[in-house]
Amino acid sequence: MKKQPNVIQNFSKKISSGAFWITISSFSARILNTISAIILARILLPEDFGLMAISLSIISFSLGTTQTGFDSALIQKKHTAVELLNTAWTIELLRNIIVFLIIFILAP
């Protein structure tokens, strides 16, 4: 029975560490997106900035709707084989190439 509080403390430390890194990651991404938007707003014309926003929306929607889930599956495995990593990398590469080709062909 004495080991259970130690397990709970260990689990609590892992949760707080994970929450810390997710917060830092999210905050950093927002800062970089803001800096990118400021730089693009200074460089691009208003019409071009709108076109860039539309294109980024289409790309993120396309990538979001075609997620394979291999990244989540690999994270859940404790011992990941190199073959699984190679397969996931290859499938993600093919997915990105297919999305690129579809967007490229459909673009005016």
PDB file of N, CA and C in Angstrom:
ATOM      1  N   MET A   1       0.810  -1.193   0.000  1.00  0.00           N
ATOM      2  CA  MET A   1       0.000   0.000   0.000  1.00  0.00           C
ATOM      3  C   MET A   1       0.857   1.262   0.000  1.00  0.00           C
ATOM      4  N   LYS A   2       2.100   1.187   0.425  1.00  0.00           N
ATOM      5  CA  LYS A   2       2.949   2.365   0.473  1.00  0.00           C
ATOM      6  C   LYS A   2       3.382   2.819  -0.915  1.00  0.00           C
ATOM      7  N   LYS A   3       3.386   1.902  -1.885  1.00  0.00           N
ATOM      8  CA  LYS A   3       3.840   2.257  -3.220  1.00  0.00           C
ATOM      9  C   LYS A   3       2.817   3.098  -3.976  1.00  0.00           C
ATOM     10  N   GLN A   4       1.570   3.031  -3.614  1.00  0.00           N
ATOM     11  CA  GLN A   4       0.549   3.752  -4.352  1.00  0.00           C
ATOM     12  C   GLN A   4       0.735   5.269  -4.292  1.00  0.00           C
ATOM     13  N   PRO A   5       1.017   5.895  -3.131  1.00  0.00           N
ATOM     14  CA  PRO A   5       1.238   7.346  -3.149  1.00  0.00           C
ATOM     15  C   PRO A   5       2.432   7.737  -4.018  1.00  0.00           C
ATOM     16  N   ASN A   6       3.463   6.915  -4.069  1.00  0.00           N
ATOM     17  CA  ASN A   6       4.620   7.201  -4.906  1.00  0.00           C
ATOM     18  C   ASN A   6       4.234   7.167  -6.383  1.00  0.00           C
ATOM     19  N   VAL A   7       3.396   6.217  -6.758  1.00  0.00           N
ATOM     20  CA  VAL A   7       2.922   6.109  -8.135  1.00  0.00           C
ATOM     21  C   VAL A   7       2.073   7.325  -8.484  1.00  0.00           C
ATOM     22  N   ILE A   8       1.223   7.739  -7.568  1.00  0.00           N
ATOM     23  CA  ILE A   8       0.374   8.906  -7.796  1.00  0.00           C
ATOM     24  C   ILE A   8       1.228  10.163  -7.927  1.00  0.00           C
ATOM     25  N   GLN A   9       2.244  10.307  -7.084  1.00  0.00           N
ATOM     26  CA  GLN A   9       3.133  11.470  -7.172  1.00  0.00           C
ATOM     27  C   GLN A   9       3.891  11.462  -8.490  1.00  0.00           C
ATOM     28  N   ASN A  10       4.361  10.303  -8.903  1.00  0.00           N
ATOM     29  CA  ASN A  10       5.079  10.181 -10.170  1.00  0.00           C
ATOM     30  C   ASN A  10       4.170  10.541 -11.334  1.00  0.00           C
ATOM     31  N   PHE A  11       2.935  10.043 -11.298  1.00  0.00           N
ATOM     32  CA  PHE A  11       1.962  10.343 -12.344  1.00  0.00           C
ATOM     33  C   PHE A  11       1.626  11.828 -12.355  1.00  0.00           C
ATOM     34  N   SER A  12       1.502  12.414 -11.189  1.00  0.00           N
ATOM     35  CA  SER A  12       1.212  13.846 -11.077  1.00  0.00           C
ATOM     36  C   SER A  12       2.356  14.680 -11.654  1.00  0.00           C
ATOM     37  N   LYS A  13       3.584  14.264 -11.413  1.00  0.00           N
ATOM     38  CA  LYS A  13       4.739  14.973 -11.975  1.00  0.00           C
ATOM     39  C   LYS A  13       4.745  14.888 -13.501  1.00  0.00           C
ATOM     40  N   LYS A  14       4.406  13.712 -14.034  1.00  0.00           N
ATOM     41  CA  LYS A  14       4.357  13.550 -15.490  1.00  0.00           C
ATOM     42  C   LYS A  14       3.273  14.419 -16.103  1.00  0.00           C
ATOM     43  N   ILE A  15       2.113  14.485 -15.449  1.00  0.00           N
ATOM     44  CA  ILE A  15       1.019  15.307 -15.959  1.00  0.00           C
ATOM     45  C   ILE A  15       1.390  16.784 -15.927  1.00  0.00           C
ATOM     46  N   SER A  16       1.975  17.234 -14.833  1.00  0.00           N
ATOM     47  CA  SER A  16       2.345  18.650 -14.742  1.00  0.00           C
ATOM     48  C   SER A  16       3.463  18.994 -15.725  1.00  0.00           C
ATOM     49  N   SER A  17       4.392  18.089 -15.929  1.00  0.00           N
ATOM     50  CA  SER A  17       5.451  18.323 -16.910  1.00  0.00           C
ATOM     51  C   SER A  17       4.876  18.382 -18.322  1.00  0.00           C
ATOM     52  N   GLY A  18       3.972  17.468 -18.638  1.00  0.00           N
ATOM     53  CA  GLY A  18       3.337  17.476 -19.954  1.00  0.00           C
ATOM     54  C   GLY A  18       2.520  18.738 -20.183  1.00  0.00           C
ATOM     55  N   ALA A  19       1.777  19.160 -19.171  1.00  0.00           N
ATOM     56  CA  ALA A  19       0.976  20.376 -19.290  1.00  0.00           C
ATOM     57  C   ALA A  19       1.873  21.594 -19.476  1.00  0.00           C
ATOM     58  N   PHE A  20       3.003  21.618 -18.785  1.00  0.00           N
ATOM     59  CA  PHE A  20       3.951  22.725 -18.936  1.00  0.00           C
ATOM     60  C   PHE A  20       4.468  22.807 -20.364  1.00  0.00           C
ATOM     61  N   TRP A  21       4.886  21.670 -20.918  1.00  0.00           N
ATOM     62  CA  TRP A  21       5.438  21.678 -22.271  1.00  0.00           C
ATOM     63  C   TRP A  21       4.378  21.967 -23.332  1.00  0.00           C
ATOM     64  N   ILE A  22       3.164  21.519 -23.129  1.00  0.00           N
ATOM     65  CA  ILE A  22       2.089  21.846 -24.065  1.00  0.00           C
ATOM     66  C   ILE A  22       1.792  23.340 -24.031  1.00  0.00           C
ATOM     67  N   THR A  23       1.794  23.926 -22.829  1.00  0.00           N
ATOM     68  CA  THR A  23       1.564  25.364 -22.698  1.00  0.00           C
ATOM     69  C   THR A  23       2.670  26.158 -23.377  1.00  0.00           C
ATOM     70  N   ILE A  24       3.914  25.773 -23.154  1.00  0.00           N
ATOM     71  CA  ILE A  24       5.050  26.454 -23.786  1.00  0.00           C
ATOM     72  C   ILE A  24       4.978  26.314 -25.304  1.00  0.00           C
ATOM     73  N   SER A  25       4.648  25.123 -25.780  1.00  0.00           N
ATOM     74  CA  SER A  25       4.549  24.882 -27.219  1.00  0.00           C
ATOM     75  C   SER A  25       3.446  25.729 -27.841  1.00  0.00           C
ATOM     76  N   SER A  26       2.296  25.755 -27.203  1.00  0.00           N
ATOM     77  CA  SER A  26       1.173  26.535 -27.723  1.00  0.00           C
ATOM     78  C   SER A  26       1.489  28.027 -27.715  1.00  0.00           C
ATOM     79  N   PHE A  27       2.069  28.506 -26.647  1.00  0.00           N
ATOM     80  CA  PHE A  27       2.428  29.919 -26.539  1.00  0.00           C
ATOM     81  C   PHE A  27       3.469  30.301 -27.590  1.00  0.00           C
ATOM     82  N   SER A  28       4.460  29.438 -27.786  1.00  0.00           N
ATOM     83  CA  SER A  28       5.499  29.707 -28.788  1.00  0.00           C
ATOM     84  C   SER A  28       4.916  29.724 -30.197  1.00  0.00           C
ATOM     85  N   ALA A  29       4.012  28.815 -30.480  1.00  0.00           N
ATOM     86  CA  ALA A  29       3.380  28.764 -31.802  1.00  0.00           C
ATOM     87  C   ALA A  29       2.569  30.035 -32.053  1.00  0.00           C
ATOM     88  N   ARG A  30       1.861  30.509 -31.047  1.00  0.00           N
ATOM     89  CA  ARG A  30       1.077  31.739 -31.209  1.00  0.00           C
ATOM     90  C   ARG A  30       1.986  32.947 -31.430  1.00  0.00           C
ATOM     91  N   ILE A  31       3.095  33.001 -30.732  1.00  0.00           N
ATOM     92  CA  ILE A  31       4.035  34.112 -30.920  1.00  0.00           C
ATOM     93  C   ILE A  31       4.611  34.070 -32.335  1.00  0.00           C
ATOM     94  N   LEU A  32       5.028  32.899 -32.788  1.00  0.00           N
ATOM     95  CA  LEU A  32       5.585  32.783 -34.136  1.00  0.00           C
ATOM     96  C   LEU A  32       4.545  33.096 -35.207  1.00  0.00           C
ATOM     97  N   ASN A  33       3.294  32.674 -35.001  1.00  0.00           N
ATOM     98  CA  ASN A  33       2.237  33.009 -35.956  1.00  0.00           C
ATOM     99  C   ASN A  33       1.983  34.507 -36.004  1.00  0.00           C
ATOM    100  N   THR A  34       2.025  35.170 -34.858  1.00  0.00           N
ATOM    101  CA  THR A  34       1.825  36.619 -34.814  1.00  0.00           C
ATOM    102  C   THR A  34       2.967  37.339 -35.520  1.00  0.00           C
ATOM    103  N   ILE A  35       4.184  36.917 -35.271  1.00  0.00           N
ATOM    104  CA  ILE A  35       5.348  37.528 -35.936  1.00  0.00           C
ATOM    105  C   ILE A  35       5.262  37.309 -37.443  1.00  0.00           C
ATOM    106  N   SER A  36       4.888  36.104 -37.842  1.00  0.00           N
ATOM    107  CA  SER A  36       4.742  35.809 -39.268  1.00  0.00           C
ATOM    108  C   SER A  36       3.669  36.678 -39.905  1.00  0.00           C
ATOM    109  N   ALA A  37       2.545  36.849 -39.231  1.00  0.00           N
ATOM    110  CA  ALA A  37       1.467  37.685 -39.771  1.00  0.00           C
ATOM    111  C   ALA A  37       1.898  39.141 -39.883  1.00  0.00           C
ATOM    112  N   ILE A  38       2.644  39.635 -38.919  1.00  0.00           N
ATOM    113  CA  ILE A  38       3.122  41.019 -38.966  1.00  0.00           C
ATOM    114  C   ILE A  38       4.080  41.216 -40.132  1.00  0.00           C
ATOM    115  N   ILE A  39       4.998  40.281 -40.312  1.00  0.00           N
ATOM    116  CA  ILE A  39       5.955  40.383 -41.414  1.00  0.00           C
ATOM    117  C   ILE A  39       5.235  40.303 -42.753  1.00  0.00           C
ATOM    118  N   LEU A  40       4.301  39.370 -42.889  1.00  0.00           N
ATOM    119  CA  LEU A  40       3.558  39.249 -44.138  1.00  0.00           C
ATOM    120  C   LEU A  40       2.695  40.479 -44.404  1.00  0.00           C
ATOM    121  N   ALA A  41       2.129  41.059 -43.365  1.00  0.00           N
ATOM    122  CA  ALA A  41       1.308  42.258 -43.545  1.00  0.00           C
ATOM    123  C   ALA A  41       2.148  43.434 -44.037  1.00  0.00           C
ATOM    124  N   ARG A  42       3.407  43.483 -43.634  1.00  0.00           N
ATOM    125  CA  ARG A  42       4.284  44.564 -44.081  1.00  0.00           C
ATOM    126  C   ARG A  42       4.777  44.341 -45.504  1.00  0.00           C
ATOM    127  N   ILE A  43       4.956  43.099 -45.901  1.00  0.00           N
ATOM    128  CA  ILE A  43       5.521  42.795 -47.213  1.00  0.00           C
ATOM    129  C   ILE A  43       4.442  42.756 -48.297  1.00  0.00           C
ATOM    130  N   LEU A  44       3.313  42.119 -48.000  1.00  0.00           N
ATOM    131  CA  LEU A  44       2.296  41.867 -49.017  1.00  0.00           C
ATOM    132  C   LEU A  44       1.292  43.009 -49.115  1.00  0.00           C
ATOM    133  N   LEU A  45       0.703  43.134 -50.287  1.00  0.00           N
ATOM    134  CA  LEU A  45      -0.412  44.047 -50.486  1.00  0.00           C
ATOM    135  C   LEU A  45      -1.645  43.461 -49.810  1.00  0.00           C
ATOM    136  N   PRO A  46      -2.658  44.275 -49.502  1.00  0.00           N
ATOM    137  CA  PRO A  46      -3.853  43.723 -48.849  1.00  0.00           C
ATOM    138  C   PRO A  46      -4.519  42.603 -49.652  1.00  0.00           C
ATOM    139  N   GLU A  47      -4.552  42.731 -50.985  1.00  0.00           N
ATOM    140  CA  GLU A  47      -5.144  41.676 -51.801  1.00  0.00           C
ATOM    141  C   GLU A  47      -4.337  40.380 -51.702  1.00  0.00           C
ATOM    142  N   ASP A  48      -3.010  40.523 -51.697  1.00  0.00           N
ATOM    143  CA  ASP A  48      -2.146  39.349 -51.594  1.00  0.00           C
ATOM    144  C   ASP A  48      -2.230  38.714 -50.209  1.00  0.00           C
ATOM    145  N   PHE A  49      -2.392  39.540 -49.191  1.00  0.00           N
ATOM    146  CA  PHE A  49      -2.498  39.024 -47.838  1.00  0.00           C
ATOM    147  C   PHE A  49      -3.765  38.187 -47.693  1.00  0.00           C
ATOM    148  N   GLY A  50      -4.856  38.635 -48.280  1.00  0.00           N
ATOM    149  CA  GLY A  50      -6.093  37.857 -48.268  1.00  0.00           C
ATOM    150  C   GLY A  50      -5.952  36.557 -49.030  1.00  0.00           C
ATOM    151  N   LEU A  51      -5.263  36.613 -50.169  1.00  0.00           N
ATOM    152  CA  LEU A  51      -5.027  35.406 -50.958  1.00  0.00           C
ATOM    153  C   LEU A  51      -4.171  34.411 -50.179  1.00  0.00           C
ATOM    154  N   MET A  52      -3.179  34.935 -49.466  1.00  0.00           N
ATOM    155  CA  MET A  52      -2.323  34.076 -48.643  1.00  0.00           C
ATOM    156  C   MET A  52      -3.133  33.429 -47.518  1.00  0.00           C
ATOM    157  N   ALA A  53      -4.033  34.188 -46.906  1.00  0.00           N
ATOM    158  CA  ALA A  53      -4.878  33.633 -45.840  1.00  0.00           C
ATOM    159  C   ALA A  53      -5.785  32.533 -46.372  1.00  0.00           C
ATOM    160  N   ILE A  54      -6.345  32.746 -47.554  1.00  0.00           N
ATOM    161  CA  ILE A  54      -7.212  31.727 -48.151  1.00  0.00           C
ATOM    162  C   ILE A  54      -6.416  30.466 -48.465  1.00  0.00           C
ATOM    163  N   SER A  55      -5.232  30.637 -49.031  1.00  0.00           N
ATOM    164  CA  SER A  55      -4.423  29.464 -49.387  1.00  0.00           C
ATOM    165  C   SER A  55      -3.972  28.696 -48.145  1.00  0.00           C
ATOM    166  N   LEU A  56      -3.586  29.400 -47.093  1.00  0.00           N
ATOM    167  CA  LEU A  56      -3.189  28.714 -45.856  1.00  0.00           C
ATOM    168  C   LEU A  56      -4.380  28.000 -45.219  1.00  0.00           C
ATOM    169  N   SER A  57      -5.567  28.581 -45.335  1.00  0.00           N
ATOM    170  CA  SER A  57      -6.767  27.926 -44.813  1.00  0.00           C
ATOM    171  C   SER A  57      -7.056  26.639 -45.576  1.00  0.00           C
ATOM    172  N   ILE A  58      -6.917  26.684 -46.884  1.00  0.00           N
ATOM    173  CA  ILE A  58      -7.159  25.487 -47.702  1.00  0.00           C
ATOM    174  C   ILE A  58      -6.140  24.399 -47.377  1.00  0.00           C
ATOM    175  N   ILE A  59      -4.883  24.792 -47.234  1.00  0.00           N
ATOM    176  CA  ILE A  59      -3.835  23.807 -46.917  1.00  0.00           C
ATOM    177  C   ILE A  59      -4.076  23.181 -45.547  1.00  0.00           C
ATOM    178  N   SER A  60      -4.367  23.995 -44.532  1.00  0.00           N
ATOM    179  CA  SER A  60      -4.569  23.437 -43.193  1.00  0.00           C
ATOM    180  C   SER A  60      -5.833  22.577 -43.136  1.00  0.00           C
ATOM    181  N   PHE A  61      -6.885  22.969 -43.855  1.00  0.00           N
ATOM    182  CA  PHE A  61      -8.095  22.145 -43.909  1.00  0.00           C
ATOM    183  C   PHE A  61      -7.797  20.808 -44.585  1.00  0.00           C
ATOM    184  N   SER A  62      -7.052  20.848 -45.685  1.00  0.00           N
ATOM    185  CA  SER A  62      -6.726  19.619 -46.418  1.00  0.00           C
ATOM    186  C   SER A  62      -5.889  18.670 -45.570  1.00  0.00           C
ATOM    187  N   LEU A  63      -4.905  19.206 -44.880  1.00  0.00           N
ATOM    188  CA  LEU A  63      -4.062  18.365 -44.043  1.00  0.00           C
ATOM    189  C   LEU A  63      -4.823  17.869 -42.816  1.00  0.00           C
ATOM    190  N   GLY A  64      -5.718  18.694 -42.302  1.00  0.00           N
ATOM    191  CA  GLY A  64      -6.491  18.290 -41.133  1.00  0.00           C
ATOM    192  C   GLY A  64      -7.495  17.196 -41.424  1.00  0.00           C
ATOM    193  N   THR A  65      -8.059  17.210 -42.612  1.00  0.00           N
ATOM    194  CA  THR A  65      -9.063  16.199 -42.958  1.00  0.00           C
ATOM    195  C   THR A  65      -8.459  14.901 -43.472  1.00  0.00           C
ATOM    196  N   THR A  66      -7.167  14.894 -43.747  1.00  0.00           N
ATOM    197  CA  THR A  66      -6.535  13.674 -44.256  1.00  0.00           C
ATOM    198  C   THR A  66      -5.534  13.081 -43.269  1.00  0.00           C
ATOM    199  N   GLN A  67      -5.673  13.397 -41.988  1.00  0.00           N
ATOM    200  CA  GLN A  67      -4.743  12.850 -41.002  1.00  0.00           C
ATOM    201  C   GLN A  67      -4.887  11.339 -40.919  1.00  0.00           C
ATOM    202  N   THR A  68      -3.750  10.671 -40.833  1.00  0.00           N
ATOM    203  CA  THR A  68      -3.765   9.211 -40.807  1.00  0.00           C
ATOM    204  C   THR A  68      -3.818   8.647 -39.391  1.00  0.00           C
ATOM    205  N   GLY A  69      -3.277   9.355 -38.428  1.00  0.00           N
ATOM    206  CA  GLY A  69      -3.269   8.884 -37.053  1.00  0.00           C
ATOM    207  C   GLY A  69      -2.053   8.054 -36.700  1.00  0.00           C
ATOM    208  N   PHE A  70      -1.119   7.936 -37.645  1.00  0.00           N
ATOM    209  CA  PHE A  70       0.083   7.151 -37.353  1.00  0.00           C
ATOM    210  C   PHE A  70       0.923   7.782 -36.256  1.00  0.00           C
ATOM    211  N   ASP A  71       0.943   9.109 -36.184  1.00  0.00           N
ATOM    212  CA  ASP A  71       1.731   9.768 -35.147  1.00  0.00           C
ATOM    213  C   ASP A  71       1.207   9.424 -33.755  1.00  0.00           C
ATOM    214  N   SER A  72      -0.098   9.403 -33.593  1.00  0.00           N
ATOM    215  CA  SER A  72      -0.690   9.036 -32.301  1.00  0.00           C
ATOM    216  C   SER A  72      -0.431   7.571 -31.975  1.00  0.00           C
ATOM    217  N   ALA A  73      -0.514   6.730 -32.973  1.00  0.00           N
ATOM    218  CA  ALA A  73      -0.276   5.300 -32.749  1.00  0.00           C
ATOM    219  C   ALA A  73       1.175   5.038 -32.350  1.00  0.00           C
ATOM    220  N   LEU A  74       2.104   5.751 -32.957  1.00  0.00           N
ATOM    221  CA  LEU A  74       3.515   5.561 -32.619  1.00  0.00           C
ATOM    222  C   LEU A  74       3.834   6.071 -31.218  1.00  0.00           C
ATOM    223  N   ILE A  75       3.178   7.140 -30.817  1.00  0.00           N
ATOM    224  CA  ILE A  75       3.416   7.687 -29.481  1.00  0.00           C
ATOM    225  C   ILE A  75       2.917   6.707 -28.422  1.00  0.00           C
ATOM    226  N   GLN A  76       1.823   6.017 -28.684  1.00  0.00           N
ATOM    227  CA  GLN A  76       1.246   5.105 -27.705  1.00  0.00           C
ATOM    228  C   GLN A  76       2.061   3.828 -27.525  1.00  0.00           C
ATOM    229  N   LYS A  77       2.860   3.471 -28.521  1.00  0.00           N
ATOM    230  CA  LYS A  77       3.683   2.264 -28.398  1.00  0.00           C
ATOM    231  C   LYS A  77       4.921   2.571 -27.563  1.00  0.00           C
ATOM    232  N   LYS A  78       5.236   1.663 -26.647  1.00  0.00           N
ATOM    233  CA  LYS A  78       6.413   1.870 -25.809  1.00  0.00           C
ATOM    234  C   LYS A  78       7.692   1.584 -26.576  1.00  0.00           C
ATOM    235  N   HIS A  79       7.686   0.531 -27.347  1.00  0.00           N
ATOM    236  CA  HIS A  79       8.864   0.149 -28.111  1.00  0.00           C
ATOM    237  C   HIS A  79       8.510   0.223 -29.589  1.00  0.00           C
ATOM    238  N   THR A  80       8.962   1.275 -30.231  1.00  0.00           N
ATOM    239  CA  THR A  80       8.630   1.496 -31.632  1.00  0.00           C
ATOM    240  C   THR A  80       9.742   0.940 -32.510  1.00  0.00           C
ATOM    241  N   ALA A  81       9.390   0.059 -33.410  1.00  0.00           N
ATOM    242  CA  ALA A  81      10.354  -0.534 -34.330  1.00  0.00           C
ATOM    243  C   ALA A  81      10.675   0.455 -35.440  1.00  0.00           C
ATOM    244  N   VAL A  82      11.866   0.315 -35.992  1.00  0.00           N
ATOM    245  CA  VAL A  82      12.307   1.194 -37.067  1.00  0.00           C
ATOM    246  C   VAL A  82      11.414   1.031 -38.293  1.00  0.00           C
ATOM    247  N   GLU A  83      10.934  -0.183 -38.524  1.00  0.00           N
ATOM    248  CA  GLU A  83      10.049  -0.418 -39.676  1.00  0.00           C
ATOM    249  C   GLU A  83       8.763   0.389 -39.554  1.00  0.00           C
ATOM    250  N   LEU A  84       8.220   0.481 -38.325  1.00  0.00           N
ATOM    251  CA  LEU A  84       7.009   1.269 -38.118  1.00  0.00           C
ATOM    252  C   LEU A  84       7.267   2.753 -38.352  1.00  0.00           C
ATOM    253  N   LEU A  85       8.417   3.232 -37.906  1.00  0.00           N
ATOM    254  CA  LEU A  85       8.760   4.640 -38.132  1.00  0.00           C
ATOM    255  C   LEU A  85       8.920   4.926 -39.617  1.00  0.00           C
ATOM    256  N   ASN A  86       9.587   4.022 -40.325  1.00  0.00           N
ATOM    257  CA  ASN A  86       9.770   4.201 -41.768  1.00  0.00           C
ATOM    258  C   ASN A  86       8.435   4.170 -42.506  1.00  0.00           C
ATOM    259  N   THR A  87       7.552   3.272 -42.106  1.00  0.00           N
ATOM    260  CA  THR A  87       6.245   3.182 -42.740  1.00  0.00           C
ATOM    261  C   THR A  87       5.429   4.443 -42.490  1.00  0.00           C
ATOM    262  N   ALA A  88       5.413   4.913 -41.252  1.00  0.00           N
ATOM    263  CA  ALA A  88       4.654   6.121 -40.924  1.00  0.00           C
ATOM    264  C   ALA A  88       5.213   7.323 -41.675  1.00  0.00           C
ATOM    265  N   TRP A  89       6.534   7.433 -41.753  1.00  0.00           N
ATOM    266  CA  TRP A  89       7.161   8.554 -42.469  1.00  0.00           C
ATOM    267  C   TRP A  89       6.805   8.511 -43.950  1.00  0.00           C
ATOM    268  N   THR A  90       6.853   7.323 -44.533  1.00  0.00           N
ATOM    269  CA  THR A  90       6.551   7.183 -45.961  1.00  0.00           C
ATOM    270  C   THR A  90       5.086   7.511 -46.249  1.00  0.00           C
ATOM    271  N   ILE A  91       4.192   7.039 -45.406  1.00  0.00           N
ATOM    272  CA  ILE A  91       2.771   7.315 -45.620  1.00  0.00           C
ATOM    273  C   ILE A  91       2.484   8.803 -45.454  1.00  0.00           C
ATOM    274  N   GLU A  92       3.099   9.452 -44.480  1.00  0.00           N
ATOM    275  CA  GLU A  92       2.913  10.901 -44.305  1.00  0.00           C
ATOM    276  C   GLU A  92       3.474  11.668 -45.506  1.00  0.00           C
ATOM    277  N   LEU A  93       4.591  11.223 -46.037  1.00  0.00           N
ATOM    278  CA  LEU A  93       5.165  11.860 -47.221  1.00  0.00           C
ATOM    279  C   LEU A  93       4.224  11.714 -48.418  1.00  0.00           C
ATOM    280  N   LEU A  94       3.699  10.511 -48.619  1.00  0.00           N
ATOM    281  CA  LEU A  94       2.750  10.289 -49.716  1.00  0.00           C
ATOM    282  C   LEU A  94       1.479  11.117 -49.541  1.00  0.00           C
ATOM    283  N   ARG A  95       0.998  11.216 -48.306  1.00  0.00           N
ATOM    284  CA  ARG A  95      -0.197  12.030 -48.035  1.00  0.00           C
ATOM    285  C   ARG A  95       0.053  13.481 -48.394  1.00  0.00           C
ATOM    286  N   ASN A  96       1.194  14.015 -47.997  1.00  0.00           N
ATOM    287  CA  ASN A  96       1.510  15.413 -48.302  1.00  0.00           C
ATOM    288  C   ASN A  96       1.689  15.639 -49.803  1.00  0.00           C
ATOM    289  N   ILE A  97       2.284  14.685 -50.488  1.00  0.00           N
ATOM    290  CA  ILE A  97       2.453  14.819 -51.937  1.00  0.00           C
ATOM    291  C   ILE A  97       1.096  14.790 -52.635  1.00  0.00           C
ATOM    292  N   ILE A  98       0.213  13.890 -52.200  1.00  0.00           N
ATOM    293  CA  ILE A  98      -1.115  13.806 -52.811  1.00  0.00           C
ATOM    294  C   ILE A  98      -1.909  15.084 -52.555  1.00  0.00           C
ATOM    295  N   VAL A  99      -1.857  15.605 -51.333  1.00  0.00           N
ATOM    296  CA  VAL A  99      -2.553  16.863 -51.028  1.00  0.00           C
ATOM    297  C   VAL A  99      -1.979  17.990 -51.877  1.00  0.00           C
ATOM    298  N   PHE A 100      -0.656  18.039 -52.019  1.00  0.00           N
ATOM    299  CA  PHE A 100      -0.033  19.062 -52.850  1.00  0.00           C
ATOM    300  C   PHE A 100      -0.521  18.960 -54.290  1.00  0.00           C
ATOM    301  N   LEU A 101      -0.518  17.756 -54.830  1.00  0.00           N
ATOM    302  CA  LEU A 101      -0.936  17.583 -56.225  1.00  0.00           C
ATOM    303  C   LEU A 101      -2.398  17.981 -56.438  1.00  0.00           C
ATOM    304  N   ILE A 102      -3.259  17.610 -55.507  1.00  0.00           N
ATOM    305  CA  ILE A 102      -4.672  17.980 -55.639  1.00  0.00           C
ATOM    306  C   ILE A 102      -4.841  19.492 -55.597  1.00  0.00           C
ATOM    307  N   ILE A 103      -4.198  20.149 -54.654  1.00  0.00           N
ATOM    308  CA  ILE A 103      -4.308  21.606 -54.549  1.00  0.00           C
ATOM    309  C   ILE A 103      -3.670  22.273 -55.768  1.00  0.00           C
ATOM    310  N   PHE A 104      -2.553  21.770 -56.224  1.00  0.00           N
ATOM    311  CA  PHE A 104      -1.873  22.340 -57.370  1.00  0.00           C
ATOM    312  C   PHE A 104      -2.708  22.224 -58.643  1.00  0.00           C
ATOM    313  N   ILE A 105      -3.324  21.060 -58.831  1.00  0.00           N
ATOM    314  CA  ILE A 105      -4.144  20.844 -60.027  1.00  0.00           C
ATOM    315  C   ILE A 105      -5.418  21.681 -59.991  1.00  0.00           C
ATOM    316  N   LEU A 106      -6.026  21.818 -58.807  1.00  0.00           N
ATOM    317  CA  LEU A 106      -7.270  22.574 -58.692  1.00  0.00           C
ATOM    318  C   LEU A 106      -7.066  24.088 -58.647  1.00  0.00           C
ATOM    319  N   ALA A 107      -5.841  24.536 -58.428  1.00  0.00           N
ATOM    320  CA  ALA A 107      -5.586  25.980 -58.370  1.00  0.00           C
ATOM    321  C   ALA A 107      -5.730  26.597 -59.759  1.00  0.00           C
ATOM    322  N   PRO A 108      -6.320  27.790 -59.837  1.00  0.00           N
ATOM    323  CA  PRO A 108      -6.456  28.427 -61.156  1.00  0.00           C
ATOM    324  C   PRO A 108      -5.124  28.915 -61.686  1.00  0.00           C
TER     325      PRO A 108
END
